[in-house]
Amino acid sequence: MSGVHILVIEDNPGDVRLIQEALRSQTVSFRMTHYDTADRALKAVHRYQPGAADVPDIMLVDFNLPAGNATDILIAAAKNPALARIKKAVMTSSVAPKDRDQAILHGADCFIFKPADLDGFLNEVGGALRTLCDEVSALSAGRPSG
């Protein structure tokens, strides 16, 4: 296995690189598929087929995207049987409770705050993703997580 497959939907290329570094800093074995707009991500979400090899294990979505937001993508993912049960996380620099509530309401398993400083980003984002990856690995092995 080539690691956990993470679908990253993030418009900022710098944040995509930081996500990769955060995963490496947590020694997570991963492969990544990336989309940079809500439109592209929605098209991809609709294309995934149940049982296909390219279905991600985790979806990480930036809350605010060009031409949409995370809730649009979470709603579409919930309607696709291939993605309905995968782990989903929303990442944002917003501290607005309503953003978190909307993400959780529409299927996010966790809401990750994006700190502005490098160490905070690597620790906060990396730690949250490490936890999700561990949960995916535990489910794949048929044992309870946590």
Protein backbone atom coordinates (compact mmCIF):
# COMPACT_ATOMS: atom_id res chain seq x y z
CA MET A 1 0.00 0.00 0.00
CA SER A 2 1.31 3.45 -0.89
CA GLY A 3 -0.17 5.11 2.18
CA VAL A 4 -3.38 6.87 2.96
CA HIS A 5 -4.97 8.55 -0.07
CA ILE A 6 -5.88 12.14 0.82
CA LEU A 7 -8.05 14.31 -1.41
CA VAL A 8 -6.98 17.90 -0.73
CA ILE A 9 -9.21 20.74 -1.90
CA GLU A 10 -7.24 23.92 -1.28
CA ASP A 11 -6.76 27.01 -3.45
CA ASN A 12 -3.52 28.24 -1.84
CA PRO A 13 -0.47 26.40 -3.26
CA GLY A 14 1.56 27.41 -0.21
CA ASP A 15 -0.94 25.71 2.09
CA VAL A 16 -0.84 22.58 -0.08
CA ARG A 17 2.94 22.42 0.40
CA LEU A 18 2.51 23.00 4.13
CA ILE A 19 -0.05 20.18 4.31
CA GLN A 20 2.46 17.86 2.66
CA GLU A 21 5.17 18.98 5.09
CA ALA A 22 2.80 18.58 8.06
CA LEU A 23 2.07 15.00 7.00
CA ARG A 24 5.78 14.26 6.55
CA SER A 25 6.55 15.76 9.97
CA GLN A 26 4.04 13.29 11.44
CA THR A 27 5.68 10.43 9.47
CA VAL A 28 2.44 9.73 7.62
CA SER A 29 2.73 7.61 4.48
CA PHE A 30 0.38 9.28 2.02
CA ARG A 31 -0.51 10.00 -1.56
CA MET A 32 -2.41 13.11 -2.48
CA THR A 33 -4.91 14.19 -5.09
CA HIS A 34 -5.37 17.96 -5.24
CA TYR A 35 -8.01 20.32 -6.63
CA ASP A 36 -7.77 24.09 -6.29
CA THR A 37 -11.34 25.28 -6.87
CA ALA A 38 -14.79 24.22 -5.71
CA ASP A 39 -15.88 23.69 -9.34
CA ARG A 40 -13.05 21.26 -10.10
CA ALA A 41 -13.50 19.49 -6.78
CA LEU A 42 -17.25 19.08 -7.29
CA LYS A 43 -16.68 17.53 -10.72
CA ALA A 44 -14.20 15.09 -9.18
CA VAL A 45 -16.52 14.28 -6.27
CA HIS A 46 -19.27 13.33 -8.71
CA ARG A 47 -16.91 11.07 -10.72
CA TYR A 48 -15.77 8.80 -7.88
CA GLN A 49 -17.29 5.32 -8.12
CA PRO A 50 -17.84 2.87 -5.24
CA GLY A 51 -15.06 0.30 -5.05
CA ALA A 52 -12.77 2.14 -7.48
CA ALA A 53 -9.07 2.20 -6.66
CA ASP A 54 -8.89 6.00 -6.81
CA VAL A 55 -11.44 6.67 -4.03
CA PRO A 56 -9.68 8.67 -1.30
CA ASP A 57 -9.51 7.61 2.34
CA ILE A 58 -9.67 11.18 3.63
CA MET A 59 -11.02 14.42 2.22
CA LEU A 60 -9.42 17.66 3.45
CA VAL A 61 -11.28 20.76 2.31
CA ASP A 62 -10.41 24.43 2.79
CA PHE A 63 -13.54 26.16 4.05
CA ASN A 64 -13.37 29.11 1.64
CA LEU A 65 -12.67 28.33 -2.00
CA PRO A 66 -13.01 30.18 -5.28
CA ALA A 67 -16.61 29.77 -6.50
CA GLY A 68 -17.83 27.87 -3.46
CA ASN A 69 -17.02 26.58 -0.02
CA ALA A 70 -16.53 23.38 1.93
CA THR A 71 -20.23 22.84 2.61
CA ASP A 72 -20.93 22.57 -1.14
CA ILE A 73 -18.33 19.82 -1.41
CA LEU A 74 -19.40 18.04 1.78
CA ILE A 75 -23.02 17.93 0.59
CA ALA A 76 -21.96 16.49 -2.78
CA ALA A 77 -19.69 13.93 -1.09
CA ALA A 78 -22.51 12.80 1.21
CA LYS A 79 -24.67 12.09 -1.86
CA ASN A 80 -21.97 9.97 -3.53
CA PRO A 81 -21.95 6.42 -2.12
CA ALA A 82 -18.22 6.15 -2.88
CA LEU A 83 -17.44 9.10 -0.57
CA ALA A 84 -20.27 9.06 1.94
CA ARG A 85 -18.30 7.08 4.56
CA ILE A 86 -14.76 8.42 4.14
CA LYS A 87 -13.20 10.69 6.78
CA LYS A 88 -13.74 14.37 6.05
CA ALA A 89 -11.97 17.36 7.54
CA VAL A 90 -12.46 21.07 6.96
CA MET A 91 -9.53 23.42 7.40
CA THR A 92 -9.76 27.19 7.78
CA SER A 93 -8.25 30.24 9.38
CA SER A 94 -11.76 31.33 10.41
CA VAL A 95 -12.62 31.22 14.08
CA ALA A 96 -16.32 31.83 13.46
CA PRO A 97 -18.40 29.21 15.33
CA LYS A 98 -20.99 29.25 12.53
CA ASP A 99 -18.34 28.01 10.03
CA ARG A 100 -17.46 25.08 12.29
CA ASP A 101 -21.13 24.31 12.93
CA GLN A 102 -21.89 24.31 9.18
CA ALA A 103 -18.97 22.00 8.42
CA ILE A 104 -19.94 19.51 11.13
CA LEU A 105 -23.62 19.68 10.15
CA HIS A 106 -22.72 18.75 6.56
CA GLY A 107 -20.53 15.79 7.41
CA ALA A 108 -17.09 16.95 8.48
CA ASP A 109 -15.52 14.60 11.02
CA CYS A 110 -13.28 17.38 12.25
CA PHE A 111 -12.66 21.10 11.85
CA ILE A 112 -9.00 22.10 11.73
CA PHE A 113 -7.89 25.64 12.52
CA LYS A 114 -5.04 26.83 10.26
CA PRO A 115 -2.55 28.69 12.46
CA ALA A 116 -0.64 31.52 10.80
CA ASP A 117 2.78 30.44 12.10
CA LEU A 118 4.74 27.54 10.59
CA ASP A 119 5.24 25.50 13.77
CA GLY A 120 1.58 25.90 14.71
CA PHE A 121 0.48 24.83 11.23
CA LEU A 122 2.72 21.75 11.22
CA ASN A 123 1.59 20.72 14.71
CA GLU A 124 -2.13 21.55 14.47
CA VAL A 125 -2.80 20.41 10.91
CA GLY A 126 -0.30 17.56 11.01
CA GLY A 127 -1.63 16.27 14.33
CA ALA A 128 -5.26 16.34 13.19
CA LEU A 129 -4.40 14.59 9.93
CA ARG A 130 -2.28 12.02 11.77
CA THR A 131 -5.31 11.20 13.94
CA LEU A 132 -7.54 10.78 10.88
CA CYS A 133 -4.91 8.62 9.16
CA ASP A 134 -4.63 6.44 12.26
CA GLU A 135 -8.42 6.03 12.30
CA VAL A 136 -8.42 5.05 8.61
CA SER A 137 -5.61 2.55 9.20
CA ALA A 138 -7.44 1.05 12.17
CA LEU A 139 -10.65 0.67 10.14
CA SER A 140 -8.73 -0.91 7.27
CA ALA A 141 -7.19 -3.40 9.67
CA GLY A 142 -10.60 -4.18 11.13
CA ARG A 143 -9.85 -2.96 14.63
CA PRO A 144 -11.41 -0.09 16.60
CA SER A 145 -9.56 3.23 16.58
CA GLY A 146 -8.72 5.43 19.52
